[in-house]
Amino acid sequence: MENRIPAVEYRNVTKTFGTTIANNKVSMEVYEGEILALLGENGSGKTTLMNMLSGIYYPDEGQIFIHGKEAVIRSPHDAFKLGIGMVHQHFKLIDVLTAAENIVLGLEGRLDLKAATVKIQEICDKYGFAVDPGKKVYNMSVSEKQTVEIVKVLFRGADILILDEPTAVLTPQETDKLFSVIRNMKADGKSVIIITHKLHEVEAVSDRVAVLRKGEYIGQMNTRDTNAAEMTSMMVGRSVSLNIERPEPIHPTDRVIIDHLNVRGSDGVMKLQDVSFSIRSGEILGIAGISGCGQKELLEAIAGLQPTESGSIRYVGEDGHSEELIGKDPKKINDMGVALSFVPEDRLGMGLVGSRKLAANMMLRSFRRGKGFFTDRKYPYDLAQTVVDELEVVTPDVLTPVSKLSGGNVQKILVGREIAAAPKVLLTAYAVRGLDINSSYTIYNLLNQQKQKGVAVVYVGEDLDVLLELSDRILVLCSGKVSGIVDGRSADKESIGLMMTKLKGGSENEQ
C-alpha cells in the first residue's frame, strides 16, 4: 500500500489555539479504497485534524496533499472542490425542507430539482441508501437524516468522506445498514475516514487504524492484526481493563415510582404515553431507545424540568414515606430533601455555561453554600480541581472557560459535578457521549460506585453493548411508549434493537 499515492497525506501538520497545541507535526496517510478509523482520547486532536482537511481550520505549519498534489484548503468550499466531504455528528439540515432540497442547497448555478432528484436516486441505488428525496426532514428518523447528510456530500462529488461518530445514535440494525453502505463506497474506490470511540465497530468495518495521543501521531496498524486492548493501550499510553464491572444490586428498593405518565411537547405531540416503571435504589436502570423516542422528556419530567399532562411521579424516602414530584420545580424537589442530579443530553445548553470558567460552573450546584449574601467560592474551586485531577480533564487550569474544552472534557466536568452533589437519585443522559474509551470506563466505575452507595442510578445510553454490561434492568422505549423492561444480565442486543423500533407490549417483571 505504501507504494501507492495516498488520497490524503499530512506532512508535519501543526495547529495551535493560543497556548494549546491541538496537533503537533502530524504525518499520516489515507489511501483510495480504504476505510481508516481515526482513534484517540478526548483532546487528542482527531477532530481538529479532520477540520483542517474539510476546510474549517487552516494549518499553522505543514502541508496537506490530495492525490499527490499539495492542496490549499481554506474553506469547506475549497474542500468540496477537491472532493472532500465531512459528515458531522450534529446534522446540518433544515427541517422544513425535503431531502432533495437540503442536498442541493447552496450549490451554484441554476437549480433543477427534478434532475437533482434523479441523480439522488442514482446515488442511493448505487450505494444501497434508502431515502425518499421528497420527504421533509422533520418527518425523518435519525438514520434517515444521516443518510441525507452522506448523500449530500456524495452528490457534490466527494471521493474522500469523513464520518464523525456516525453510529452515535443508531440502533444495531441501522449500524449494520450503514456499514454495508460504507463497504460499498470503499468498493467504489472512495476513501472513508471514521472518527469513533466504539472499538468493536472499528474491528467490524475498518481496514486500518491510526492513533493520535495528545495531539501527536502515535502510529497505525492493520485492523486485522490488532485488537481492542492494543488499540486502547496506544491511545492511552498504558494498558486499560476493558471489563465493565457489574456488582449485584444493593438492597434494591423502589425509590421513584412512575405511574401512567403522559407528557405532551410544546409542539402538541405526545412525547410519552402511559409510561409506568420504577427506579430502584442500589441498582442501575438502563434506558434504551432511538433518539427522540422520549428519553429526554422522561428524565426532565422526573427532574421537575418538563411539564406533564397526567400520571404520577412519586419519590419514596428511606422511611417508606412517598411524596408526589409532579407540580414541584427543581428547587422545591431539593427542599423536600430529594436529591436529583441530572446530567442532560444538551450539556452546554442545559448543563453548563460555556462562557464561564470551570470553577464558576461548579457554583451552579453550590451557590447556596456560605452565609447570608456571601457565596462560598473556595468549595467550587477545590471541587473543580478535584474533578480535573480524578477524571483527567485536559485543561490549562480550572479558570479556563468551559467553551475552550473539547466536547469529551466538557462532559467529564458535568458528570463529575453532578456526582459530587451526593444524590439519592442520579439521572444521566448520554453520560459518555463523545468520551474516549478510558474516560468512559472511568464514568462507568463512578456510576457503579454510586450504585454501591445505595443511589438509584438511571443511565440513558446509545451503546447497547454498554447498556447490557452495565445495567441491572433495561427499560426500552419506542415512540414514547414502554416496549418492555428486561433483565440486563439475560437480554441480548438484537432483541433490544427490535424492541426499540417496534412495540412488543412487554411489561415489567417484578421480582
Protein backbone atom coordinates (compact mmCIF):
# COMPACT_ATOMS: atom_id res chain seq x y z
CA MET A 1 0.00 0.00 0.00
CA GLU A 2 2.91 2.36 0.76
CA ASN A 3 3.89 2.35 -2.96
CA ARG A 4 0.56 3.88 -3.94
CA ILE A 5 -0.12 7.62 -3.99
CA PRO A 6 -2.26 8.42 -0.95
CA ALA A 7 -5.66 10.05 -1.42
CA VAL A 8 -4.75 12.22 1.59
CA GLU A 9 -1.33 12.87 3.06
CA TYR A 10 -0.49 15.06 6.06
CA ARG A 11 3.13 16.19 6.33
CA ASN A 12 4.23 17.66 9.66
CA VAL A 13 0.89 19.42 10.19
CA THR A 14 0.67 21.60 13.32
CA LYS A 15 -2.31 23.54 14.67
CA THR A 16 -2.38 25.60 17.87
CA PHE A 17 -5.07 27.53 19.71
CA GLY A 18 -3.37 30.06 21.95
CA THR A 19 -1.03 28.07 24.17
CA THR A 20 -2.75 24.76 23.39
CA ILE A 21 -1.14 22.56 20.73
CA ALA A 22 -4.02 20.63 19.15
CA ASN A 23 -1.87 18.87 16.53
CA ASN A 24 1.92 18.65 16.66
CA LYS A 25 3.80 17.76 13.45
CA VAL A 26 1.30 15.08 12.40
CA SER A 27 2.23 12.98 9.36
CA MET A 28 -0.15 10.27 8.15
CA GLU A 29 -1.81 8.92 5.01
CA VAL A 30 -5.22 7.76 3.83
CA TYR A 31 -5.42 5.64 0.68
CA GLU A 32 -8.04 5.23 -2.03
CA GLY A 33 -10.49 2.41 -1.49
CA GLU A 34 -9.87 2.01 2.23
CA ILE A 35 -11.71 2.65 5.48
CA LEU A 36 -9.46 4.28 8.07
CA ALA A 37 -10.53 4.52 11.72
CA LEU A 38 -9.03 7.56 13.48
CA LEU A 39 -8.70 6.90 17.21
CA GLY A 40 -7.58 8.90 20.22
CA GLU A 41 -8.65 10.14 23.63
CA ASN A 42 -10.68 13.31 24.08
CA GLY A 43 -8.49 16.28 23.28
CA SER A 44 -6.06 14.17 21.23
CA GLY A 45 -6.64 16.30 18.13
CA LYS A 46 -8.76 14.00 15.93
CA THR A 47 -11.48 16.49 15.05
CA THR A 48 -9.00 19.35 14.62
CA LEU A 49 -7.02 17.24 12.16
CA MET A 50 -10.14 16.43 10.16
CA ASN A 51 -11.37 20.03 10.34
CA MET A 52 -8.19 21.08 8.55
CA LEU A 53 -8.95 18.57 5.82
CA SER A 54 -12.55 19.80 5.50
CA GLY A 55 -11.59 23.49 5.42
CA ILE A 56 -12.87 24.59 8.81
CA TYR A 57 -9.33 25.27 10.12
CA TYR A 58 -6.09 26.04 8.32
CA PRO A 59 -2.75 24.56 9.46
CA ASP A 60 -0.23 26.80 11.20
CA GLU A 61 2.57 24.64 9.80
CA GLY A 62 2.93 21.68 7.47
CA GLN A 63 1.32 20.57 4.23
CA ILE A 64 -1.71 18.58 3.09
CA PHE A 65 -1.56 16.66 -0.19
CA ILE A 66 -4.63 15.39 -2.06
CA HIS A 67 -3.93 12.64 -4.61
CA GLY A 68 -0.26 13.58 -4.61
CA LYS A 69 -0.68 17.34 -5.12
CA GLU A 70 -0.27 19.94 -2.40
CA ALA A 71 -3.64 21.48 -1.52
CA VAL A 72 -4.59 24.81 -0.01
CA ILE A 73 -7.86 24.26 1.86
CA ARG A 74 -9.09 27.50 3.42
CA SER A 75 -12.83 26.81 3.42
CA PRO A 76 -15.36 23.96 3.12
CA HIS A 77 -15.94 25.22 -0.44
CA ASP A 78 -12.26 24.55 -1.21
CA ALA A 79 -12.63 21.08 0.30
CA PHE A 80 -15.67 20.27 -1.84
CA LYS A 81 -13.78 21.30 -4.99
CA LEU A 82 -11.11 18.77 -4.01
CA GLY A 83 -13.69 16.01 -3.49
CA ILE A 84 -13.64 16.13 0.34
CA GLY A 85 -16.84 15.94 2.38
CA MET A 86 -17.34 15.74 6.15
CA VAL A 87 -20.48 14.42 7.83
CA HIS A 88 -20.61 15.94 11.30
CA GLN A 89 -22.11 14.24 14.35
CA HIS A 90 -24.63 17.07 14.70
CA PHE A 91 -26.52 17.21 11.43
CA LYS A 92 -26.69 20.45 9.46
CA LEU A 93 -30.09 20.11 7.82
CA ILE A 94 -33.09 22.44 7.56
CA ASP A 95 -36.11 20.63 8.97
CA VAL A 96 -38.81 22.26 6.81
CA LEU A 97 -37.06 21.33 3.55
CA THR A 98 -37.16 17.98 1.78
CA ALA A 99 -34.18 15.65 1.46
CA ALA A 100 -33.58 16.77 -2.12
CA GLU A 101 -33.84 20.46 -1.22
CA ASN A 102 -31.29 20.03 1.57
CA ILE A 103 -28.94 18.13 -0.72
CA VAL A 104 -28.85 20.85 -3.40
CA LEU A 105 -28.99 23.81 -1.00
CA GLY A 106 -26.06 26.16 -1.53
CA LEU A 107 -24.97 24.78 -4.88
CA GLU A 108 -24.02 27.27 -7.56
CA GLY A 109 -25.86 27.63 -10.84
CA ARG A 110 -29.46 27.13 -11.89
CA LEU A 111 -31.44 24.81 -9.63
CA ASP A 112 -33.15 21.89 -11.39
CA LEU A 113 -34.79 19.94 -8.57
CA LYS A 114 -36.22 17.31 -10.92
CA ALA A 115 -32.81 16.48 -12.39
CA ALA A 116 -31.28 16.57 -8.91
CA THR A 117 -33.86 14.07 -7.67
CA VAL A 118 -32.93 11.66 -10.48
CA LYS A 119 -29.23 11.96 -9.58
CA ILE A 120 -30.00 11.47 -5.88
CA GLN A 121 -31.89 8.27 -6.65
CA GLU A 122 -28.96 7.03 -8.77
CA ILE A 123 -26.60 7.58 -5.80
CA CYS A 124 -28.99 5.76 -3.47
CA ASP A 125 -29.31 2.82 -5.84
CA LYS A 126 -25.53 2.62 -6.36
CA TYR A 127 -24.53 2.50 -2.70
CA GLY A 128 -27.61 1.00 -1.05
CA PHE A 129 -29.11 4.07 0.62
CA ALA A 130 -32.79 4.18 1.48
CA VAL A 131 -34.07 7.76 1.37
CA ASP A 132 -37.13 9.46 -0.10
CA PRO A 133 -35.92 12.65 -1.88
CA GLY A 134 -39.32 14.29 -1.37
CA LYS A 135 -39.61 13.59 2.37
CA LYS A 136 -39.43 16.51 4.79
CA VAL A 137 -36.53 16.34 7.24
CA TYR A 138 -38.81 16.88 10.25
CA ASN A 139 -40.54 13.60 9.39
CA MET A 140 -37.29 11.62 9.24
CA SER A 141 -35.67 9.27 11.71
CA VAL A 142 -32.11 9.93 12.86
CA SER A 143 -30.70 7.34 10.46
CA GLU A 144 -32.61 8.91 7.55
CA LYS A 145 -31.17 12.33 8.40
CA GLN A 146 -27.68 10.85 8.47
CA THR A 147 -28.32 9.24 5.09
CA VAL A 148 -29.26 12.65 3.67
CA GLU A 149 -26.01 14.12 5.01
CA ILE A 150 -23.92 11.38 3.38
CA VAL A 151 -25.82 11.59 0.07
CA LYS A 152 -25.33 15.37 0.17
CA VAL A 153 -21.52 15.09 0.14
CA LEU A 154 -21.61 12.33 -2.50
CA PHE A 155 -23.91 14.48 -4.65
CA ARG A 156 -21.24 17.16 -4.57
CA GLY A 157 -18.69 14.70 -5.91
CA ALA A 158 -16.84 13.70 -2.74
CA ASP A 159 -14.47 10.76 -3.02
CA ILE A 160 -12.91 11.40 0.40
CA LEU A 161 -15.51 11.16 3.19
CA ILE A 162 -15.05 11.95 6.88
CA LEU A 163 -17.67 10.50 9.23
CA ASP A 164 -17.63 11.89 12.78
CA GLU A 165 -19.18 9.43 15.27
CA PRO A 166 -21.52 8.06 12.58
CA THR A 167 -23.18 5.40 14.77
CA ALA A 168 -23.68 7.52 17.89
CA VAL A 169 -27.49 7.40 17.82
CA LEU A 170 -28.19 4.39 15.60
CA THR A 171 -29.73 1.06 16.52
CA PRO A 172 -27.67 -2.11 15.83
CA GLN A 173 -29.75 -2.79 12.74
CA GLU A 174 -29.22 0.76 11.44
CA THR A 175 -25.49 0.47 12.15
CA ASP A 176 -25.29 -2.72 10.11
CA LYS A 177 -27.01 -0.97 7.17
CA LEU A 178 -24.60 1.98 7.43
CA PHE A 179 -21.59 -0.33 7.44
CA SER A 180 -22.93 -2.05 4.33
CA VAL A 181 -23.14 1.33 2.60
CA ILE A 182 -19.61 2.28 3.74
CA ARG A 183 -18.25 -1.00 2.33
CA ASN A 184 -19.98 -0.25 -0.98
CA MET A 185 -18.33 3.18 -1.04
CA LYS A 186 -14.96 1.55 -0.38
CA ALA A 187 -15.56 -0.92 -3.24
CA ASP A 188 -16.19 2.10 -5.48
CA GLY A 189 -12.74 3.48 -4.62
CA LYS A 190 -13.84 6.04 -2.03
CA SER A 191 -11.61 6.87 0.94
CA VAL A 192 -13.59 6.81 4.18
CA ILE A 193 -12.27 8.17 7.49
CA ILE A 194 -14.29 7.30 10.59
CA ILE A 195 -13.85 9.04 13.94
CA THR A 196 -15.30 6.78 16.62
CA HIS A 197 -14.82 5.55 20.17
CA LYS A 198 -16.59 2.22 19.62
CA LEU A 199 -13.76 -0.27 19.17
CA HIS A 200 -15.97 -3.24 18.30
CA GLU A 201 -17.23 -1.19 15.33
CA VAL A 202 -13.66 -0.29 14.38
CA GLU A 203 -12.89 -4.01 14.25
CA ALA A 204 -16.03 -4.69 12.21
CA VAL A 205 -15.67 -2.11 9.43
CA SER A 206 -12.19 -0.56 9.15
CA ASP A 207 -9.12 -1.67 7.18
CA ARG A 208 -6.54 0.36 9.12
CA VAL A 209 -6.38 2.23 12.40
CA ALA A 210 -4.45 5.47 13.01
CA VAL A 211 -3.94 6.68 16.58
CA LEU A 212 -3.39 10.18 17.97
CA ARG A 213 -2.32 10.91 21.53
CA LYS A 214 -2.08 14.41 22.99
CA GLY A 215 -2.00 15.95 19.54
CA GLU A 216 0.72 13.70 18.17
CA TYR A 217 0.57 10.83 15.69
CA ILE A 218 1.43 7.61 17.55
CA GLY A 219 1.20 5.12 14.71
CA GLN A 220 -1.03 2.91 12.58
CA MET A 221 -1.82 -0.77 12.22
CA ASN A 222 -3.92 -3.05 10.07
CA THR A 223 -7.19 -3.72 11.85
CA ARG A 224 -6.98 -7.45 11.26
CA ASP A 225 -3.64 -7.54 13.10
CA THR A 226 -4.77 -5.79 16.30
CA ASN A 227 -7.46 -5.91 18.99
CA ALA A 228 -9.36 -3.58 21.32
CA ALA A 229 -6.82 -3.90 24.16
CA GLU A 230 -3.88 -2.96 21.92
CA MET A 231 -5.75 -0.03 20.36
CA THR A 232 -6.67 1.26 23.80
CA SER A 233 -3.08 0.98 25.02
CA MET A 234 -1.89 3.02 22.05
CA MET A 235 -4.50 5.72 22.71
CA VAL A 236 -3.89 5.97 26.45
CA GLY A 237 -0.20 5.09 26.68
CA ARG A 238 -0.80 2.25 29.15
CA SER A 239 -2.89 -0.89 29.41
CA VAL A 240 -6.54 -0.41 30.36
CA SER A 241 -9.01 -3.04 31.53
CA LEU A 242 -11.99 -3.20 29.16
CA ASN A 243 -14.28 -5.06 31.54
CA ILE A 244 -17.27 -3.20 32.93
CA GLU A 245 -17.87 -4.35 36.48
CA ARG A 246 -21.48 -5.05 37.43
CA PRO A 247 -21.78 -5.59 41.16
CA GLU A 248 -25.01 -7.07 42.45
CA PRO A 249 -27.75 -4.57 43.35
CA ILE A 250 -27.51 -3.29 46.94
CA HIS A 251 -30.85 -3.91 48.71
CA PRO A 252 -32.91 -2.68 45.74
CA THR A 253 -35.93 -0.70 46.89
CA ASP A 254 -38.33 1.40 44.85
CA ARG A 255 -37.07 4.99 45.12
CA VAL A 256 -39.05 6.67 42.31
CA ILE A 257 -42.32 5.23 41.02
CA ILE A 258 -43.63 6.46 37.65
CA ASP A 259 -47.29 5.58 37.07
CA HIS A 260 -49.22 6.09 33.79
CA LEU A 261 -47.14 9.15 32.89
CA ASN A 262 -48.16 11.21 29.85
CA VAL A 263 -46.14 14.15 28.55
CA ARG A 264 -47.08 16.41 25.65
CA GLY A 265 -44.38 18.51 23.99
CA SER A 266 -44.60 22.22 23.21
CA ASP A 267 -45.44 21.23 19.61
CA GLY A 268 -48.58 19.47 20.83
CA VAL A 269 -47.24 15.99 20.08
CA MET A 270 -47.37 13.31 22.79
CA LYS A 271 -43.78 12.55 23.80
CA LEU A 272 -44.60 9.95 26.50
CA GLN A 273 -47.72 7.78 26.60
CA ASP A 274 -48.86 5.74 29.60
CA VAL A 275 -45.32 5.14 30.88
CA SER A 276 -45.06 3.11 34.10
CA PHE A 277 -41.95 1.72 35.83
CA SER A 278 -39.87 2.09 38.97
CA ILE A 279 -36.35 3.32 39.69
CA ARG A 280 -34.71 1.37 42.50
CA SER A 281 -32.02 2.33 44.94
CA GLY A 282 -28.77 0.37 44.70
CA GLU A 283 -29.17 -0.56 41.04
CA ILE A 284 -28.59 0.89 37.58
CA LEU A 285 -31.64 1.15 35.35
CA GLY A 286 -30.64 1.47 31.70
CA ILE A 287 -32.96 3.19 29.24
CA ALA A 288 -32.69 2.22 25.58
CA GLY A 289 -34.40 3.80 22.61
CA ILE A 290 -33.69 5.51 19.32
CA SER A 291 -33.05 9.24 19.51
CA GLY A 292 -36.20 11.27 20.10
CA CYS A 293 -38.36 8.46 21.46
CA GLY A 294 -38.98 10.21 24.79
CA GLN A 295 -35.82 9.66 26.88
CA LYS A 296 -35.13 13.39 27.22
CA GLU A 297 -38.71 14.22 28.22
CA LEU A 298 -38.80 11.34 30.70
CA LEU A 299 -35.72 12.42 32.61
CA GLU A 300 -36.71 16.07 32.52
CA ALA A 301 -40.17 15.20 33.89
CA ILE A 302 -38.62 13.31 36.81
CA ALA A 303 -36.20 16.19 37.47
CA GLY A 304 -39.02 18.76 37.50
CA LEU A 305 -37.91 20.38 34.25
CA GLN A 306 -40.71 19.14 31.96
CA PRO A 307 -44.47 19.75 32.47
CA THR A 308 -46.61 16.61 32.48
CA GLU A 309 -50.12 16.11 31.20
CA SER A 310 -51.21 13.31 33.53
CA GLY A 311 -49.89 10.48 35.64
CA SER A 312 -47.77 10.34 38.77
CA ILE A 313 -44.09 10.51 39.76
CA ARG A 314 -43.61 9.62 43.41
CA TYR A 315 -40.38 9.74 45.41
CA VAL A 316 -40.18 7.14 48.19
CA GLY A 317 -37.96 8.12 51.10
CA GLU A 318 -35.85 5.73 53.14
CA ASP A 319 -38.60 5.71 55.77
CA GLY A 320 -41.11 4.46 53.19
CA HIS A 321 -43.00 7.75 53.03
CA SER A 322 -43.76 8.86 49.45
CA GLU A 323 -44.41 12.32 48.01
CA GLU A 324 -45.58 13.43 44.59
CA LEU A 325 -42.96 15.22 42.47
CA ILE A 326 -45.22 16.45 39.68
CA GLY A 327 -46.01 20.12 40.13
CA LYS A 328 -42.81 20.86 42.03
CA ASP A 329 -39.91 22.73 40.42
CA PRO A 330 -36.32 21.50 40.91
CA LYS A 331 -35.72 23.81 43.89
CA LYS A 332 -38.82 22.55 45.69
CA ILE A 333 -37.78 18.98 44.98
CA ASN A 334 -34.40 19.67 46.62
CA ASP A 335 -36.09 21.46 49.52
CA MET A 336 -38.11 18.28 50.11
CA GLY A 337 -34.83 16.53 50.74
CA VAL A 338 -34.98 14.73 47.39
CA ALA A 339 -31.60 14.95 45.66
CA LEU A 340 -32.00 14.55 41.93
CA SER A 341 -28.81 15.07 39.95
CA PHE A 342 -29.39 15.48 36.24
CA VAL A 343 -26.76 15.08 33.52
CA PRO A 344 -28.68 16.42 30.50
CA GLU A 345 -28.39 15.46 26.85
CA ASP A 346 -27.55 19.06 25.92
CA ARG A 347 -24.50 19.60 28.15
CA LEU A 348 -23.77 23.21 27.13
CA GLY A 349 -27.38 24.23 26.57
CA MET A 350 -28.71 22.93 29.89
CA GLY A 351 -25.82 21.61 31.96
CA LEU A 352 -23.03 24.18 31.81
CA VAL A 353 -22.38 27.81 30.83
CA GLY A 354 -19.76 27.74 28.09
CA SER A 355 -18.52 31.28 28.63
CA ARG A 356 -17.88 30.73 32.36
CA LYS A 357 -14.81 29.16 33.95
CA LEU A 358 -14.71 25.60 35.24
CA ALA A 359 -14.80 26.71 38.87
CA ALA A 360 -17.71 29.08 38.19
CA ASN A 361 -19.70 26.22 36.63
CA MET A 362 -19.27 24.25 39.86
CA MET A 363 -21.08 27.10 41.63
CA LEU A 364 -24.24 26.26 39.67
CA ARG A 365 -24.56 23.42 42.19
CA SER A 366 -23.02 25.03 45.27
CA PHE A 367 -24.10 28.68 45.18
CA ARG A 368 -26.27 28.22 48.29
CA ARG A 369 -23.20 27.34 50.35
CA GLY A 370 -21.86 30.11 52.54
CA LYS A 371 -23.57 32.57 54.86
CA GLY A 372 -26.04 35.32 54.08
CA PHE A 373 -25.34 37.03 50.78
CA PHE A 374 -21.84 35.58 50.56
CA THR A 375 -21.18 32.53 48.39
CA ASP A 376 -18.52 30.01 49.32
CA ARG A 377 -16.05 30.44 46.44
CA LYS A 378 -13.36 28.12 47.77
CA TYR A 379 -15.52 24.98 47.58
CA PRO A 380 -16.28 25.20 43.83
CA TYR A 381 -12.62 25.95 43.08
CA ASP A 382 -11.49 22.92 45.09
CA LEU A 383 -14.22 20.74 43.56
CA ALA A 384 -13.22 21.81 40.05
CA GLN A 385 -9.61 20.87 40.77
CA THR A 386 -10.69 17.51 42.19
CA VAL A 387 -12.81 16.71 39.10
CA VAL A 388 -9.96 17.78 36.79
CA ASP A 389 -7.49 15.55 38.64
CA GLU A 390 -9.68 12.47 39.11
CA LEU A 391 -11.27 12.47 35.64
CA GLU A 392 -8.07 13.58 33.87
CA VAL A 393 -9.69 16.62 32.26
CA VAL A 394 -7.43 18.18 29.64
CA THR A 395 -7.39 21.89 30.51
CA PRO A 396 -4.74 24.54 31.28
CA ASP A 397 -6.39 25.20 34.68
CA VAL A 398 -9.75 25.46 36.45
CA LEU A 399 -10.05 29.12 35.46
CA THR A 400 -10.36 28.19 31.77
CA PRO A 401 -13.81 28.83 30.18
CA VAL A 402 -15.70 25.60 29.55
CA SER A 403 -16.21 26.55 25.88
CA LYS A 404 -12.44 26.19 25.34
CA LEU A 405 -12.53 22.46 26.20
CA SER A 406 -13.18 19.56 23.85
CA GLY A 407 -16.67 18.04 23.99
CA GLY A 408 -15.47 15.00 25.92
CA ASN A 409 -13.76 17.10 28.58
CA VAL A 410 -16.90 19.22 28.93
CA GLN A 411 -18.80 16.00 29.63
CA LYS A 412 -16.31 14.98 32.32
CA ILE A 413 -16.80 18.29 34.13
CA LEU A 414 -20.58 17.94 34.05
CA VAL A 415 -20.70 14.33 35.25
CA GLY A 416 -18.12 14.99 37.98
CA ARG A 417 -20.06 17.97 39.30
CA GLU A 418 -23.36 16.09 39.43
CA ILE A 419 -21.92 13.07 41.22
CA ALA A 420 -20.22 15.36 43.76
CA ALA A 421 -23.69 16.58 44.79
CA ALA A 422 -24.18 13.21 46.58
CA PRO A 423 -27.60 12.44 45.08
CA LYS A 424 -30.16 9.86 46.18
CA VAL A 425 -31.26 9.56 42.55
CA LEU A 426 -28.80 10.13 39.70
CA LEU A 427 -30.30 10.70 36.26
CA THR A 428 -27.77 10.58 33.42
CA ALA A 429 -28.49 11.19 29.74
CA TYR A 430 -25.68 10.05 27.44
CA ALA A 431 -23.09 10.43 30.20
CA VAL A 432 -20.27 9.08 28.00
CA ARG A 433 -21.33 10.58 24.66
CA GLY A 434 -18.18 11.82 22.95
CA LEU A 435 -15.87 10.37 25.61
CA ASP A 436 -12.84 8.28 24.75
CA ILE A 437 -12.77 4.70 25.97
CA ASN A 438 -10.57 5.38 29.01
CA SER A 439 -12.79 8.24 30.20
CA SER A 440 -15.92 6.18 29.51
CA TYR A 441 -14.73 3.39 31.79
CA THR A 442 -13.95 5.96 34.47
CA ILE A 443 -17.59 7.12 34.28
CA TYR A 444 -18.89 3.53 34.39
CA ASN A 445 -16.86 2.97 37.55
CA LEU A 446 -18.22 6.17 39.10
CA LEU A 447 -21.80 5.09 38.35
CA ASN A 448 -21.16 1.70 39.92
CA GLN A 449 -19.71 3.40 43.00
CA GLN A 450 -22.92 5.41 43.31
CA LYS A 451 -24.95 2.24 42.92
CA GLN A 452 -22.99 0.58 45.74
CA LYS A 453 -23.72 3.58 47.96
CA GLY A 454 -27.43 2.88 47.51
CA VAL A 455 -28.06 5.58 44.92
CA ALA A 456 -30.77 4.91 42.34
CA VAL A 457 -28.97 5.38 39.01
CA VAL A 458 -30.67 5.90 35.65
CA TYR A 459 -28.42 5.53 32.61
CA VAL A 460 -29.74 6.62 29.23
CA GLY A 461 -27.27 5.30 26.67
CA GLU A 462 -26.90 4.74 22.96
CA ASP A 463 -24.39 1.86 23.01
CA LEU A 464 -26.38 -1.33 23.60
CA ASP A 465 -23.25 -3.33 24.41
CA VAL A 466 -22.56 -0.98 27.32
CA LEU A 467 -26.19 -0.98 28.44
CA LEU A 468 -26.14 -4.77 28.58
CA GLU A 469 -22.89 -4.87 30.55
CA LEU A 470 -23.68 -2.05 32.98
CA SER A 471 -27.42 -2.19 33.68
CA ASP A 472 -29.29 -4.38 36.13
CA ARG A 473 -32.54 -3.75 34.27
CA ILE A 474 -33.18 -2.11 30.89
CA LEU A 475 -36.30 -0.11 30.06
CA VAL A 476 -36.89 0.05 26.29
CA LEU A 477 -38.82 2.99 24.85
CA CYS A 478 -40.40 3.04 21.42
CA SER A 479 -42.24 6.14 20.15
CA GLY A 480 -42.79 7.37 23.71
CA LYS A 481 -44.19 4.08 25.00
CA VAL A 482 -42.67 1.31 27.10
CA SER A 483 -41.82 -1.51 24.71
CA GLY A 484 -40.54 -3.69 27.53
CA ILE A 485 -38.38 -3.94 30.65
CA VAL A 486 -35.78 -6.71 30.60
CA ASP A 487 -33.06 -8.13 32.84
CA GLY A 488 -29.69 -6.66 31.85
CA ARG A 489 -27.94 -9.97 32.54
CA SER A 490 -30.06 -12.11 30.24
CA ALA A 491 -31.14 -9.75 27.43
CA ASP A 492 -29.45 -9.68 24.02
CA LYS A 493 -28.62 -6.75 21.74
CA GLU A 494 -30.65 -7.89 18.74
CA SER A 495 -33.92 -8.28 20.65
CA ILE A 496 -33.50 -4.89 22.33
CA GLY A 497 -32.75 -3.31 18.95
CA LEU A 498 -36.03 -4.72 17.62
CA MET A 499 -37.93 -3.50 20.70
CA MET A 500 -36.54 0.00 20.08
CA THR A 501 -38.23 0.11 16.67
CA LYS A 502 -41.35 -1.98 17.24
CA LEU A 503 -43.58 -2.13 20.31
CA LYS A 504 -43.55 -5.58 21.87
CA GLY A 505 -46.08 -4.93 24.56
CA GLY A 506 -43.62 -6.09 27.21
CA SER A 507 -44.27 -5.42 30.87
CA GLU A 508 -42.07 -5.20 33.89
CA ASN A 509 -41.48 -8.45 35.72
CA GLU A 510 -41.18 -7.50 39.39
CA GLN A 511 -39.08 -9.99 41.24
